[in-house]
């Protein structure tokens, strides 16, 4: 009997312990569920306070003045523009305070510092500038070149050296294209693309935010742009070929002209040399004739009376003396003839 009583007591104790364990497990599961639900509710609530950091930085390791985004957000909330709704303004201020927005703002600041061309319209977008220029043009749509000039030139004057350089290139191209048969809008578009370069995907310059390349130029803009680049490359290659051919032809013509001039000069020199040789031969012949007729005295007289060996004055004196002698001889002859005549 005693053994049976002890066995029943042990079974009862085991059943009670198992029941207590089950109740404890159920209570623990309920507490875990309640804790998870409470934690999820805390995470979803806007007043959730995060846990303190696992590590603490020593004093002085961080900058003394850190940006207080909470105070900046409060100040921004207080200065809400009238045209913006309150809930939209709160969402926008919250976005500005996020880490993603601050990182993007720093990146945009660095990009802004690298910009060289600055427009003079302030906060006025390009779309408004385009509308104003269209109204000034009596409702006729203006080109991108005209909108760019209106935005980057202040009262017709240049703003910076970079803008001055771009305007110089545009002016030179417009001067070169004055005689073209295309319309002025097409010419302005060509000038703008050549100076400013092709468009980047997702935007179109001087049209502001919103319009894409397909909206402005249609779906074939990229294809036409590629065809334009190919045509320009072909024209450049053809121009280089014509230039090489022209230089080769000019070089050949110059060489031919130089050869003709050399031939003409050689012929002239040879003819002059032949003339001089003939004159020398004749002089030698005359000298030999004088020597054979009159001897050495005649040779010396011939050389003395030769115009190449004595001054012009001596030759004049020789001619005058010989003429006087001839006159005297003629007078003596006439006197002798008159004496010989018989008297009648």
Protein backbone atom coordinates (compact mmCIF):
# COMPACT_ATOMS: atom_id res chain seq x y z
CA UNK A 1 0.00 0.00 0.00
CA UNK A 2 2.73 2.39 0.94
CA UNK A 3 4.42 1.82 -2.39
CA UNK A 4 1.20 2.61 -4.28
CA UNK A 5 0.69 5.82 -2.32
CA UNK A 6 4.23 6.97 -3.05
CA UNK A 7 3.80 6.26 -6.76
CA UNK A 8 0.56 8.27 -6.91
CA UNK A 9 2.23 11.18 -5.10
CA UNK A 10 5.16 11.15 -7.56
CA UNK A 11 2.84 11.13 -10.55
CA UNK A 12 0.84 13.99 -9.09
CA UNK A 13 3.96 16.00 -8.46
CA UNK A 14 5.21 15.35 -12.00
CA UNK A 15 1.89 16.41 -13.49
CA UNK A 16 1.87 19.57 -11.42
CA UNK A 17 5.44 20.39 -12.42
CA UNK A 18 4.62 19.84 -16.08
CA UNK A 19 1.60 22.10 -15.76
CA UNK A 20 3.70 24.79 -14.12
CA UNK A 21 6.30 24.51 -16.90
CA UNK A 22 3.61 24.82 -19.56
CA UNK A 23 2.11 27.83 -17.84
CA UNK A 24 5.55 29.40 -17.51
CA UNK A 25 6.33 28.85 -21.16
CA UNK A 26 2.96 30.28 -22.14
CA UNK A 27 3.51 33.31 -19.94
CA UNK A 28 7.02 33.83 -21.37
CA UNK A 29 5.69 33.57 -24.92
CA UNK A 30 2.97 36.05 -24.07
CA UNK A 31 5.53 38.44 -22.59
CA UNK A 32 7.73 38.08 -25.70
CA UNK A 33 4.76 38.77 -27.95
CA UNK A 34 3.77 41.75 -25.87
CA UNK A 35 7.37 42.98 -25.90
CA UNK A 36 7.65 42.60 -29.66
CA UNK A 37 4.33 44.35 -30.19
CA UNK A 38 5.36 47.13 -27.86
CA UNK A 39 8.76 47.46 -29.61
CA UNK A 40 7.09 47.55 -33.01
CA UNK A 41 4.67 50.16 -31.78
CA UNK A 42 7.60 52.19 -30.43
CA UNK A 43 9.46 51.89 -33.72
CA UNK A 44 6.42 53.13 -35.60
CA UNK A 45 5.78 56.00 -33.25
CA UNK A 46 7.31 59.41 -34.12
CA UNK A 47 8.47 59.85 -30.51
CA UNK A 48 10.82 56.88 -30.48
CA UNK A 49 14.09 57.65 -28.67
CA UNK A 50 17.05 55.61 -29.96
CA UNK A 51 19.35 53.71 -27.65
CA UNK A 52 22.59 55.40 -26.59
CA UNK A 53 25.66 54.62 -28.72
CA UNK A 54 27.78 51.61 -27.85
CA UNK A 55 30.97 53.67 -27.81
CA UNK A 56 31.54 57.16 -26.49
CA UNK A 57 34.02 59.54 -28.07
CA UNK A 58 36.45 61.34 -25.77
CA UNK A 59 36.08 65.04 -25.20
CA UNK A 60 37.69 67.12 -27.95
CA UNK A 61 37.70 64.40 -30.62
CA UNK A 62 34.63 65.90 -32.33
CA UNK A 63 34.38 69.48 -33.68
CA UNK A 64 33.34 72.08 -31.16
CA UNK A 65 30.44 73.38 -33.29
CA UNK A 66 28.36 70.78 -35.04
CA UNK A 67 25.41 71.69 -37.25
CA UNK A 68 22.22 71.60 -35.27
CA UNK A 69 19.77 70.26 -37.82
CA UNK A 70 16.92 70.28 -35.33
CA UNK A 71 17.17 74.04 -34.81
CA UNK A 72 17.53 74.56 -38.56
CA UNK A 73 14.42 72.47 -39.16
CA UNK A 74 12.47 74.43 -36.56
CA UNK A 75 13.54 77.70 -38.19
CA UNK A 76 12.56 76.42 -41.63
CA UNK A 77 9.17 75.31 -40.36
CA UNK A 78 8.59 78.80 -39.00
CA UNK A 79 9.32 80.40 -42.41
CA UNK A 80 6.88 78.50 -44.59
CA UNK A 81 6.05 80.20 -47.92
CA UNK A 82 2.41 81.02 -48.43
CA UNK A 83 2.16 79.13 -51.72
CA UNK A 84 3.21 75.81 -50.07
CA UNK A 85 0.81 73.73 -48.01
CA UNK A 86 1.74 73.03 -44.39
CA UNK A 87 1.94 69.23 -44.65
CA UNK A 88 4.02 69.48 -47.83
CA UNK A 89 6.35 71.98 -46.17
CA UNK A 90 6.80 69.66 -43.16
CA UNK A 91 7.65 66.75 -45.45
CA UNK A 92 10.12 68.89 -47.38
CA UNK A 93 11.84 70.16 -44.22
CA UNK A 94 12.06 66.59 -42.93
CA UNK A 95 13.66 65.50 -46.23
CA UNK A 96 16.22 68.31 -46.05
CA UNK A 97 17.29 67.06 -42.64
CA UNK A 98 17.95 63.49 -43.77
CA UNK A 99 21.45 62.20 -44.35
CA UNK A 100 20.74 61.50 -48.02
CA UNK A 101 19.65 65.08 -48.69
CA UNK A 102 22.66 66.56 -46.86
CA UNK A 103 25.04 64.32 -48.81
CA UNK A 104 23.42 65.35 -52.07
CA UNK A 105 23.62 69.03 -51.11
CA UNK A 106 27.38 68.76 -50.46
CA UNK A 107 27.89 67.06 -53.80
CA UNK A 108 25.93 69.77 -55.60
CA UNK A 109 28.02 72.45 -53.89
CA UNK A 110 31.21 70.88 -55.21
CA UNK A 111 29.73 70.68 -58.70
CA UNK A 112 28.54 74.28 -58.49
CA UNK A 113 32.06 75.50 -57.74
CA UNK A 114 33.31 73.94 -60.98
CA UNK A 115 30.77 75.80 -63.09
CA UNK A 116 32.23 78.62 -65.20
CA UNK A 117 29.16 79.95 -67.05
CA UNK A 118 26.72 81.76 -64.75
CA UNK A 119 23.39 83.13 -65.96
CA UNK A 120 22.11 86.56 -64.86
CA UNK A 121 18.42 85.79 -64.36
CA UNK A 122 18.59 84.99 -60.65
CA UNK A 123 15.86 82.53 -59.62
CA UNK A 124 13.98 83.00 -62.87
CA UNK A 125 13.96 79.66 -64.75
CA UNK A 126 14.79 79.29 -68.42
CA UNK A 127 11.17 78.47 -69.22
CA UNK A 128 10.11 81.94 -68.04
CA UNK A 129 12.97 83.55 -70.00
CA UNK A 130 11.81 81.69 -73.11
CA UNK A 131 8.24 82.91 -72.66
CA UNK A 132 9.41 86.52 -72.21
CA UNK A 133 11.62 86.39 -75.30
CA UNK A 134 8.77 84.89 -77.32
CA UNK A 135 6.50 87.76 -76.28
CA UNK A 136 9.17 90.28 -77.29
CA UNK A 137 9.42 88.52 -80.66
CA UNK A 138 5.67 89.09 -81.31
CA UNK A 139 4.74 85.52 -80.42
CA UNK A 140 7.25 83.86 -82.75
CA UNK A 141 9.17 81.05 -80.96
CA UNK A 142 12.80 81.97 -80.37
CA UNK A 143 15.83 79.75 -80.77
CA UNK A 144 17.97 78.35 -77.99
CA UNK A 145 20.75 80.75 -78.95
CA UNK A 146 18.51 83.77 -78.34
CA UNK A 147 17.36 82.38 -74.97
CA UNK A 148 20.97 81.71 -73.96
CA UNK A 149 22.00 85.27 -74.84
CA UNK A 150 19.06 86.70 -72.90
CA UNK A 151 19.97 84.62 -69.82
CA UNK A 152 23.75 85.03 -69.81
CA UNK A 153 24.11 88.63 -70.99
CA UNK A 154 23.25 91.41 -68.56
CA UNK A 155 21.72 94.34 -70.46
CA UNK A 156 23.70 93.39 -73.55
CA UNK A 157 27.08 93.43 -71.75
CA UNK A 158 29.36 90.46 -71.12
CA UNK A 159 29.34 88.92 -67.65
CA UNK A 160 32.64 87.01 -67.40
CA UNK A 161 35.63 85.86 -69.43
CA UNK A 162 34.09 82.43 -70.02
CA UNK A 163 30.89 83.99 -71.38
CA UNK A 164 33.00 86.35 -73.50
CA UNK A 165 34.86 83.40 -75.03
CA UNK A 166 31.63 81.57 -75.85
CA UNK A 167 30.10 84.71 -77.38
CA UNK A 168 33.21 85.24 -79.52
CA UNK A 169 32.91 81.72 -80.93
CA UNK A 170 29.21 82.20 -81.62
CA UNK A 171 29.84 85.52 -83.38
CA UNK A 172 32.56 84.01 -85.59
CA UNK A 173 30.33 81.10 -86.60
CA UNK A 174 27.39 83.40 -87.34
CA UNK A 175 29.67 85.54 -89.55
CA UNK A 176 30.77 82.44 -91.46
CA UNK A 177 27.17 81.27 -91.94
CA UNK A 178 25.72 84.61 -93.10
CA UNK A 179 25.65 83.55 -96.75
CA UNK A 180 23.91 80.24 -96.03
CA UNK A 181 20.52 79.53 -97.58
CA UNK A 182 19.11 77.94 -94.40
CA UNK A 183 16.65 79.66 -92.08
CA UNK A 184 17.87 81.78 -89.19
CA UNK A 185 16.47 79.33 -86.60
CA UNK A 186 18.41 76.42 -88.13
CA UNK A 187 21.56 78.52 -88.26
CA UNK A 188 21.19 79.51 -84.59
CA UNK A 189 20.63 75.86 -83.63
CA UNK A 190 23.75 74.76 -85.54
CA UNK A 191 25.82 77.49 -83.89
CA UNK A 192 24.52 76.57 -80.42
CA UNK A 193 25.28 72.85 -80.87
CA UNK A 194 28.77 73.48 -82.29
CA UNK A 195 29.78 75.82 -79.47
CA UNK A 196 28.00 74.24 -76.47
CA UNK A 197 28.28 70.60 -77.55
CA UNK A 198 25.67 67.83 -77.77
CA UNK A 199 22.84 67.45 -75.28
CA UNK A 200 23.09 65.16 -72.27
CA UNK A 201 20.35 62.59 -71.62
CA UNK A 202 17.45 63.66 -69.45
CA UNK A 203 17.48 67.41 -70.11
CA UNK A 204 17.60 70.07 -72.81
CA UNK A 205 19.48 73.30 -72.25
CA UNK A 206 17.50 76.57 -72.16
CA UNK A 207 14.23 74.61 -71.70
CA UNK A 208 14.37 74.19 -67.92
CA UNK A 209 13.19 71.16 -65.95
CA UNK A 210 10.72 68.76 -67.50
CA UNK A 211 11.17 68.64 -71.30
CA UNK A 212 13.35 65.82 -72.59
CA UNK A 213 15.26 65.48 -75.84
CA UNK A 214 12.42 63.46 -77.33
CA UNK A 215 9.86 66.10 -76.34
CA UNK A 216 11.83 68.94 -77.95
CA UNK A 217 13.46 67.35 -81.00
CA UNK A 218 11.47 64.15 -81.46
CA UNK A 219 12.62 60.54 -81.33
CA UNK A 220 15.16 60.87 -84.13
CA UNK A 221 17.36 63.47 -82.45
CA UNK A 222 20.07 61.02 -81.42
CA UNK A 223 20.07 59.41 -84.82
CA UNK A 224 20.24 62.76 -86.60
CA UNK A 225 22.97 63.89 -84.23
CA UNK A 226 25.03 60.79 -85.00
CA UNK A 227 24.48 61.34 -88.72
CA UNK A 228 25.61 64.94 -88.31
CA UNK A 229 28.80 63.82 -86.56
CA UNK A 230 29.48 61.27 -89.29
CA UNK A 231 28.90 63.90 -91.99
CA UNK A 232 31.21 66.35 -90.23
CA UNK A 233 33.92 63.68 -89.96
CA UNK A 234 33.58 62.87 -93.66
CA UNK A 235 33.73 66.54 -94.59
CA UNK A 236 36.81 67.02 -92.43
CA UNK A 237 38.51 64.02 -94.03
CA UNK A 238 37.62 65.25 -97.52
CA UNK A 239 38.89 68.72 -96.67
CA UNK A 240 42.21 67.29 -95.51
CA UNK A 241 42.47 65.27 -98.74
CA UNK A 242 41.79 68.36 -100.87
CA UNK A 243 44.31 70.31 -98.84
CA UNK A 244 47.03 67.70 -99.42
CA UNK A 245 46.24 67.61 -103.15
CA UNK A 246 46.31 71.39 -103.40
CA UNK A 247 49.64 71.60 -101.58
CA UNK A 248 51.09 68.90 -103.87
CA UNK A 249 49.90 70.71 -107.00
CA UNK A 250 51.25 74.02 -105.78
CA UNK A 251 54.60 72.41 -105.03
CA UNK A 252 54.76 70.85 -108.49
CA UNK A 253 53.85 74.17 -110.15
CA UNK A 254 56.52 76.00 -108.16
CA UNK A 255 59.12 73.41 -109.15
CA UNK A 256 58.12 73.71 -112.82
CA UNK A 257 58.32 77.50 -112.69
CA UNK A 258 61.71 77.36 -111.00
CA UNK A 259 62.99 74.91 -113.63
CA UNK A 260 61.72 77.16 -116.45
CA UNK A 261 63.38 80.19 -114.87
CA UNK A 262 66.65 78.29 -114.50
CA UNK A 263 66.51 77.19 -118.16
CA UNK A 264 65.80 80.75 -119.31
CA UNK A 265 68.65 82.13 -117.22
CA UNK A 266 71.05 79.50 -118.57
CA UNK A 267 70.04 80.33 -122.15
CA UNK A 268 70.51 84.06 -121.51
CA UNK A 269 73.92 83.48 -119.98
CA UNK A 270 74.98 81.27 -122.88
CA UNK A 271 73.82 83.82 -125.46
CA UNK A 272 75.68 86.61 -123.68
CA UNK A 273 78.79 84.45 -123.45
CA UNK A 274 78.57 83.69 -127.19
CA UNK A 275 78.21 87.40 -127.97
CA UNK A 276 81.23 88.25 -125.85
CA UNK A 277 83.22 85.46 -127.47
CA UNK A 278 82.30 86.72 -130.95
CA UNK A 279 83.36 90.26 -130.02
CA UNK A 280 86.67 89.00 -128.68
CA UNK A 281 87.25 86.98 -131.85
CA UNK A 282 86.57 90.00 -134.05
CA UNK A 283 88.87 92.18 -131.97
CA UNK A 284 91.64 89.62 -132.31
CA UNK A 285 91.04 89.48 -136.07
CA UNK A 286 91.21 93.26 -136.39
CA UNK A 287 94.36 93.35 -134.32
CA UNK A 288 96.00 90.73 -136.50
CA UNK A 289 95.05 92.71 -139.63
CA UNK A 290 96.58 95.87 -138.21
CA UNK A 291 99.75 94.07 -137.26
CA UNK A 292 100.17 92.55 -140.69
CA UNK A 293 99.66 95.89 -142.45
CA UNK A 294 101.46 98.40 -140.29
CA UNK A 295 103.83 96.49 -138.00
CA UNK A 296 104.28 97.10 -134.30
CA UNK A 297 103.82 100.87 -134.55
CA UNK A 298 100.47 100.41 -136.22
CA UNK A 299 99.54 97.89 -133.53
CA UNK A 300 100.43 100.33 -130.78
CA UNK A 301 98.59 103.12 -132.57
CA UNK A 302 95.58 100.88 -133.03
CA UNK A 303 95.59 99.94 -129.36
CA UNK A 304 96.17 103.56 -128.39
CA UNK A 305 93.30 104.79 -130.52
CA UNK A 306 91.02 101.92 -129.45
CA UNK A 307 88.05 103.25 -127.41
CA UNK A 308 88.43 100.43 -124.84
CA UNK A 309 91.97 101.44 -123.91
CA UNK A 310 91.78 105.26 -123.64
CA UNK A 311 89.28 107.77 -122.24
CA UNK A 312 86.50 109.29 -124.27
CA UNK A 313 88.20 112.70 -124.16
CA UNK A 314 91.32 111.38 -125.92
CA UNK A 315 89.21 109.82 -128.59
CA UNK A 316 87.48 113.17 -129.13
CA UNK A 317 90.86 114.93 -129.34
CA UNK A 318 92.11 112.37 -131.82
CA UNK A 319 89.08 112.80 -134.01
CA UNK A 320 89.28 116.60 -133.85
CA UNK A 321 93.00 116.67 -134.72
CA UNK A 322 92.52 114.28 -137.61
CA UNK A 323 89.65 116.41 -138.91
CA UNK A 324 91.84 119.54 -138.70
CA UNK A 325 94.58 117.80 -140.63
CA UNK A 326 92.13 116.75 -143.30
CA UNK A 327 90.83 120.34 -143.62
CA UNK A 328 94.38 121.70 -143.92
CA UNK A 329 95.28 119.12 -146.57
CA UNK A 330 92.17 119.99 -148.59
CA UNK A 331 93.06 123.72 -148.44
CA UNK A 332 96.60 123.12 -149.66
CA UNK A 333 95.33 120.99 -152.50
CA UNK A 334 92.86 123.67 -153.58
CA UNK A 335 95.63 126.33 -153.54
CA UNK A 336 97.94 124.20 -155.64
CA UNK A 337 95.19 123.60 -158.18
CA UNK A 338 94.42 127.30 -158.40
CA UNK A 339 98.10 128.08 -159.06
CA UNK A 340 98.33 125.56 -161.87
CA UNK A 341 95.38 127.01 -163.80
CA UNK A 342 96.49 129.11 -166.81
CA UNK A 343 95.49 132.71 -167.06
CA UNK A 344 93.14 133.59 -169.93
